[in-house]
Amino acid sequence: LSRLLLRLPALRLMNATITEELFFKGLIGNIRIDSVIPHILKMEPADYNSQIIGHSI
């Protein structure tokens, strides 16, 4: 855990666009994550669960 915490300052230096490409492109495609987050936060738990089940099939 301590080694991970020591790496956090270096992560702040990464460009936000690069971070989106690395972590989210395979999940949400060519959409900016900051446009998706408000919708995720407004979702009800039942909606979230149905989305996961629908995509795993």
PDB file of N, CA and C in Angstrom:
ATOM      1  N   LEU A   1       0.825  -1.196   0.000  1.00  0.00           N
ATOM      2  CA  LEU A   1       0.000   0.000   0.000  1.00  0.00           C
ATOM      3  C   LEU A   1       0.868   1.259   0.000  1.00  0.00           C
ATOM      4  N   SER A   2       1.930   1.248   0.766  1.00  0.00           N
ATOM      5  CA  SER A   2       2.779   2.439   0.833  1.00  0.00           C
ATOM      6  C   SER A   2       3.435   2.730  -0.514  1.00  0.00           C
ATOM      7  N   ARG A   3       3.826   1.690  -1.242  1.00  0.00           N
ATOM      8  CA  ARG A   3       4.426   1.900  -2.569  1.00  0.00           C
ATOM      9  C   ARG A   3       3.408   2.495  -3.535  1.00  0.00           C
ATOM     10  N   LEU A   4       2.173   2.052  -3.417  1.00  0.00           N
ATOM     11  CA  LEU A   4       1.111   2.598  -4.262  1.00  0.00           C
ATOM     12  C   LEU A   4       0.884   4.078  -3.956  1.00  0.00           C
ATOM     13  N   LEU A   5       0.847   4.415  -2.686  1.00  0.00           N
ATOM     14  CA  LEU A   5       0.641   5.806  -2.295  1.00  0.00           C
ATOM     15  C   LEU A   5       1.782   6.701  -2.768  1.00  0.00           C
ATOM     16  N   LEU A   6       2.988   6.170  -2.814  1.00  0.00           N
ATOM     17  CA  LEU A   6       4.120   6.954  -3.295  1.00  0.00           C
ATOM     18  C   LEU A   6       4.020   7.251  -4.786  1.00  0.00           C
ATOM     19  N   ARG A   7       3.275   6.462  -5.523  1.00  0.00           N
ATOM     20  CA  ARG A   7       3.112   6.658  -6.970  1.00  0.00           C
ATOM     21  C   ARG A   7       2.017   7.673  -7.318  1.00  0.00           C
ATOM     22  N   LEU A   8       1.162   8.004  -6.381  1.00  0.00           N
ATOM     23  CA  LEU A   8       0.050   8.910  -6.664  1.00  0.00           C
ATOM     24  C   LEU A   8       0.474  10.269  -7.221  1.00  0.00           C
ATOM     25  N   PRO A   9       1.517  10.918  -6.698  1.00  0.00           N
ATOM     26  CA  PRO A   9       1.909  12.204  -7.286  1.00  0.00           C
ATOM     27  C   PRO A   9       2.269  12.094  -8.772  1.00  0.00           C
ATOM     28  N   ALA A  10       2.877  11.007  -9.176  1.00  0.00           N
ATOM     29  CA  ALA A  10       3.225  10.829 -10.587  1.00  0.00           C
ATOM     30  C   ALA A  10       1.972  10.691 -11.448  1.00  0.00           C
ATOM     31  N   LEU A  11       0.924  10.090 -10.904  1.00  0.00           N
ATOM     32  CA  LEU A  11      -0.322   9.951 -11.657  1.00  0.00           C
ATOM     33  C   LEU A  11      -0.971  11.299 -11.938  1.00  0.00           C
ATOM     34  N   ARG A  12      -0.775  12.240 -11.057  1.00  0.00           N
ATOM     35  CA  ARG A  12      -1.342  13.577 -11.275  1.00  0.00           C
ATOM     36  C   ARG A  12      -0.697  14.268 -12.471  1.00  0.00           C
ATOM     37  N   LEU A  13       0.503  13.878 -12.815  1.00  0.00           N
ATOM     38  CA  LEU A  13       1.198  14.484 -13.949  1.00  0.00           C
ATOM     39  C   LEU A  13       0.673  13.984 -15.288  1.00  0.00           C
ATOM     40  N   MET A  14      -0.054  12.872 -15.267  1.00  0.00           N
ATOM     41  CA  MET A  14      -0.584  12.321 -16.515  1.00  0.00           C
ATOM     42  C   MET A  14      -1.700  13.203 -17.060  1.00  0.00           C
ATOM     43  N   ASN A  15      -1.716  13.339 -18.363  1.00  0.00           N
ATOM     44  CA  ASN A  15      -2.766  14.071 -19.046  1.00  0.00           C
ATOM     45  C   ASN A  15      -4.092  13.332 -18.860  1.00  0.00           C
ATOM     46  N   ALA A  16      -5.180  14.057 -18.636  1.00  0.00           N
ATOM     47  CA  ALA A  16      -6.493  13.435 -18.419  1.00  0.00           C
ATOM     48  C   ALA A  16      -6.929  12.613 -19.622  1.00  0.00           C
ATOM     49  N   THR A  17      -6.596  13.071 -20.813  1.00  0.00           N
ATOM     50  CA  THR A  17      -6.972  12.337 -22.025  1.00  0.00           C
ATOM     51  C   THR A  17      -6.280  10.983 -22.074  1.00  0.00           C
ATOM     52  N   ILE A  18      -5.025  10.931 -21.685  1.00  0.00           N
ATOM     53  CA  ILE A  18      -4.282   9.668 -21.668  1.00  0.00           C
ATOM     54  C   ILE A  18      -4.885   8.726 -20.630  1.00  0.00           C
ATOM     55  N   THR A  19      -5.245   9.265 -19.470  1.00  0.00           N
ATOM     56  CA  THR A  19      -5.865   8.444 -18.432  1.00  0.00           C
ATOM     57  C   THR A  19      -7.176   7.848 -18.926  1.00  0.00           C
ATOM     58  N   GLU A  20      -7.980   8.642 -19.621  1.00  0.00           N
ATOM     59  CA  GLU A  20      -9.233   8.128 -20.188  1.00  0.00           C
ATOM     60  C   GLU A  20      -8.960   7.004 -21.174  1.00  0.00           C
ATOM     61  N   GLU A  21      -7.965   7.187 -22.025  1.00  0.00           N
ATOM     62  CA  GLU A  21      -7.625   6.159 -23.015  1.00  0.00           C
ATOM     63  C   GLU A  21      -7.210   4.860 -22.334  1.00  0.00           C
ATOM     64  N   LEU A  22      -6.389   4.960 -21.308  1.00  0.00           N
ATOM     65  CA  LEU A  22      -5.868   3.772 -20.640  1.00  0.00           C
ATOM     66  C   LEU A  22      -6.934   2.986 -19.891  1.00  0.00           C
ATOM     67  N   PHE A  23      -7.793   3.688 -19.167  1.00  0.00           N
ATOM     68  CA  PHE A  23      -8.691   3.006 -18.242  1.00  0.00           C
ATOM     69  C   PHE A  23     -10.131   2.853 -18.720  1.00  0.00           C
ATOM     70  N   PHE A  24     -10.593   3.726 -19.609  1.00  0.00           N
ATOM     71  CA  PHE A  24     -12.018   3.730 -19.912  1.00  0.00           C
ATOM     72  C   PHE A  24     -12.377   3.459 -21.360  1.00  0.00           C
ATOM     73  N   LYS A  25     -11.456   3.560 -22.288  1.00  0.00           N
ATOM     74  CA  LYS A  25     -11.798   3.409 -23.704  1.00  0.00           C
ATOM     75  C   LYS A  25     -12.431   2.052 -23.994  1.00  0.00           C
ATOM     76  N   GLY A  26     -11.920   0.984 -23.423  1.00  0.00           N
ATOM     77  CA  GLY A  26     -12.489  -0.336 -23.652  1.00  0.00           C
ATOM     78  C   GLY A  26     -13.862  -0.509 -23.032  1.00  0.00           C
ATOM     79  N   LEU A  27     -14.167   0.295 -22.018  1.00  0.00           N
ATOM     80  CA  LEU A  27     -15.458   0.185 -21.334  1.00  0.00           C
ATOM     81  C   LEU A  27     -16.548   1.030 -21.976  1.00  0.00           C
ATOM     82  N   ILE A  28     -16.203   2.261 -22.335  1.00  0.00           N
ATOM     83  CA  ILE A  28     -17.237   3.181 -22.808  1.00  0.00           C
ATOM     84  C   ILE A  28     -17.022   3.647 -24.237  1.00  0.00           C
ATOM     85  N   GLY A  29     -15.980   3.184 -24.891  1.00  0.00           N
ATOM     86  CA  GLY A  29     -15.734   3.593 -26.273  1.00  0.00           C
ATOM     87  C   GLY A  29     -15.126   4.980 -26.349  1.00  0.00           C
ATOM     88  N   ASN A  30     -15.454   5.701 -27.393  1.00  0.00           N
ATOM     89  CA  ASN A  30     -14.847   7.002 -27.653  1.00  0.00           C
ATOM     90  C   ASN A  30     -15.699   8.128 -27.058  1.00  0.00           C
ATOM     91  N   ILE A  31     -15.970   8.036 -25.765  1.00  0.00           N
ATOM     92  CA  ILE A  31     -16.773   9.026 -25.054  1.00  0.00           C
ATOM     93  C   ILE A  31     -15.948   9.520 -23.873  1.00  0.00           C
ATOM     94  N   ARG A  32     -15.995  10.818 -23.628  1.00  0.00           N
ATOM     95  CA  ARG A  32     -15.247  11.370 -22.494  1.00  0.00           C
ATOM     96  C   ARG A  32     -15.894  10.924 -21.185  1.00  0.00           C
ATOM     97  N   ILE A  33     -15.071  10.474 -20.261  1.00  0.00           N
ATOM     98  CA  ILE A  33     -15.568   9.947 -18.990  1.00  0.00           C
ATOM     99  C   ILE A  33     -16.308  11.017 -18.191  1.00  0.00           C
ATOM    100  N   ASP A  34     -15.890  12.285 -18.303  1.00  0.00           N
ATOM    101  CA  ASP A  34     -16.570  13.332 -17.537  1.00  0.00           C
ATOM    102  C   ASP A  34     -17.997  13.576 -18.020  1.00  0.00           C
ATOM    103  N   SER A  35     -18.326  13.133 -19.225  1.00  0.00           N
ATOM    104  CA  SER A  35     -19.714  13.243 -19.679  1.00  0.00           C
ATOM    105  C   SER A  35     -20.550  12.042 -19.230  1.00  0.00           C
ATOM    106  N   VAL A  36     -19.905  10.963 -18.823  1.00  0.00           N
ATOM    107  CA  VAL A  36     -20.609   9.754 -18.399  1.00  0.00           C
ATOM    108  C   VAL A  36     -20.867   9.747 -16.891  1.00  0.00           C
ATOM    109  N   ILE A  37     -19.949  10.287 -16.125  1.00  0.00           N
ATOM    110  CA  ILE A  37     -20.034  10.231 -14.664  1.00  0.00           C
ATOM    111  C   ILE A  37     -21.348  10.798 -14.116  1.00  0.00           C
ATOM    112  N   PRO A  38     -21.851  11.955 -14.585  1.00  0.00           N
ATOM    113  CA  PRO A  38     -23.135  12.436 -14.040  1.00  0.00           C
ATOM    114  C   PRO A  38     -24.273  11.437 -14.217  1.00  0.00           C
ATOM    115  N   HIS A  39     -24.301  10.735 -15.337  1.00  0.00           N
ATOM    116  CA  HIS A  39     -25.349   9.739 -15.569  1.00  0.00           C
ATOM    117  C   HIS A  39     -25.190   8.542 -14.627  1.00  0.00           C
ATOM    118  N   ILE A  40     -23.956   8.139 -14.399  1.00  0.00           N
ATOM    119  CA  ILE A  40     -23.695   7.022 -13.486  1.00  0.00           C
ATOM    120  C   ILE A  40     -24.139   7.380 -12.072  1.00  0.00           C
ATOM    121  N   LEU A  41     -23.845   8.602 -11.649  1.00  0.00           N
ATOM    122  CA  LEU A  41     -24.198   9.022 -10.293  1.00  0.00           C
ATOM    123  C   LEU A  41     -25.705   9.114 -10.084  1.00  0.00           C
ATOM    124  N   LYS A  42     -26.468   9.358 -11.151  1.00  0.00           N
ATOM    125  CA  LYS A  42     -27.924   9.468 -11.043  1.00  0.00           C
ATOM    126  C   LYS A  42     -28.630   8.122 -11.159  1.00  0.00           C
ATOM    127  N   MET A  43     -27.904   7.075 -11.529  1.00  0.00           N
ATOM    128  CA  MET A  43     -28.526   5.761 -11.723  1.00  0.00           C
ATOM    129  C   MET A  43     -28.997   5.171 -10.400  1.00  0.00           C
ATOM    130  N   GLU A  44     -30.095   4.475 -10.462  1.00  0.00           N
ATOM    131  CA  GLU A  44     -30.581   3.712  -9.320  1.00  0.00           C
ATOM    132  C   GLU A  44     -29.835   2.377  -9.295  1.00  0.00           C
ATOM    133  N   PRO A  45     -29.650   1.766  -8.128  1.00  0.00           N
ATOM    134  CA  PRO A  45     -28.948   0.476  -8.060  1.00  0.00           C
ATOM    135  C   PRO A  45     -29.552  -0.586  -8.978  1.00  0.00           C
ATOM    136  N   ALA A  46     -30.869  -0.621  -9.106  1.00  0.00           N
ATOM    137  CA  ALA A  46     -31.504  -1.622  -9.974  1.00  0.00           C
ATOM    138  C   ALA A  46     -31.114  -1.395 -11.433  1.00  0.00           C
ATOM    139  N   ASP A  47     -31.015  -0.121 -11.847  1.00  0.00           N
ATOM    140  CA  ASP A  47     -30.595   0.188 -13.217  1.00  0.00           C
ATOM    141  C   ASP A  47     -29.160  -0.255 -13.450  1.00  0.00           C
ATOM    142  N   TYR A  48     -28.321  -0.003 -12.466  1.00  0.00           N
ATOM    143  CA  TYR A  48     -26.916  -0.377 -12.580  1.00  0.00           C
ATOM    144  C   TYR A  48     -26.769  -1.886 -12.729  1.00  0.00           C
ATOM    145  N   ASN A  49     -27.487  -2.630 -11.891  1.00  0.00           N
ATOM    146  CA  ASN A  49     -27.407  -4.091 -11.946  1.00  0.00           C
ATOM    147  C   ASN A  49     -27.914  -4.628 -13.271  1.00  0.00           C
ATOM    148  N   SER A  50     -28.971  -4.050 -13.817  1.00  0.00           N
ATOM    149  CA  SER A  50     -29.488  -4.536 -15.096  1.00  0.00           C
ATOM    150  C   SER A  50     -28.519  -4.220 -16.226  1.00  0.00           C
ATOM    151  N   GLN A  51     -27.791  -3.116 -16.143  1.00  0.00           N
ATOM    152  CA  GLN A  51     -26.792  -2.779 -17.160  1.00  0.00           C
ATOM    153  C   GLN A  51     -25.661  -3.796 -17.151  1.00  0.00           C
ATOM    154  N   ILE A  52     -25.227  -4.187 -15.974  1.00  0.00           N
ATOM    155  CA  ILE A  52     -24.131  -5.151 -15.864  1.00  0.00           C
ATOM    156  C   ILE A  52     -24.566  -6.513 -16.390  1.00  0.00           C
ATOM    157  N   ILE A  53     -25.743  -6.939 -16.010  1.00  0.00           N
ATOM    158  CA  ILE A  53     -26.240  -8.243 -16.461  1.00  0.00           C
ATOM    159  C   ILE A  53     -26.442  -8.239 -17.965  1.00  0.00           C
ATOM    160  N   GLY A  54     -26.957  -7.152 -18.517  1.00  0.00           N
ATOM    161  CA  GLY A  54     -27.191  -7.059 -19.952  1.00  0.00           C
ATOM    162  C   GLY A  54     -25.919  -7.099 -20.769  1.00  0.00           C
ATOM    163  N   HIS A  55     -24.825  -6.525 -20.257  1.00  0.00           N
ATOM    164  CA  HIS A  55     -23.566  -6.494 -20.996  1.00  0.00           C
ATOM    165  C   HIS A  55     -22.738  -7.750 -20.813  1.00  0.00           C
ATOM    166  N   SER A  56     -22.996  -8.521 -19.789  1.00  0.00           N
ATOM    167  CA  SER A  56     -22.182  -9.716 -19.558  1.00  0.00           C
ATOM    168  C   SER A  56     -22.651 -10.901 -20.381  1.00  0.00           C
ATOM    169  N   ILE A  57     -23.825 -10.812 -20.985  1.00  0.00           N
ATOM    170  CA  ILE A  57     -24.362 -11.932 -21.771  1.00  0.00           C
ATOM    171  C   ILE A  57     -23.749 -11.946 -23.138  1.00  0.00           C
TER     172      ILE A  57
END
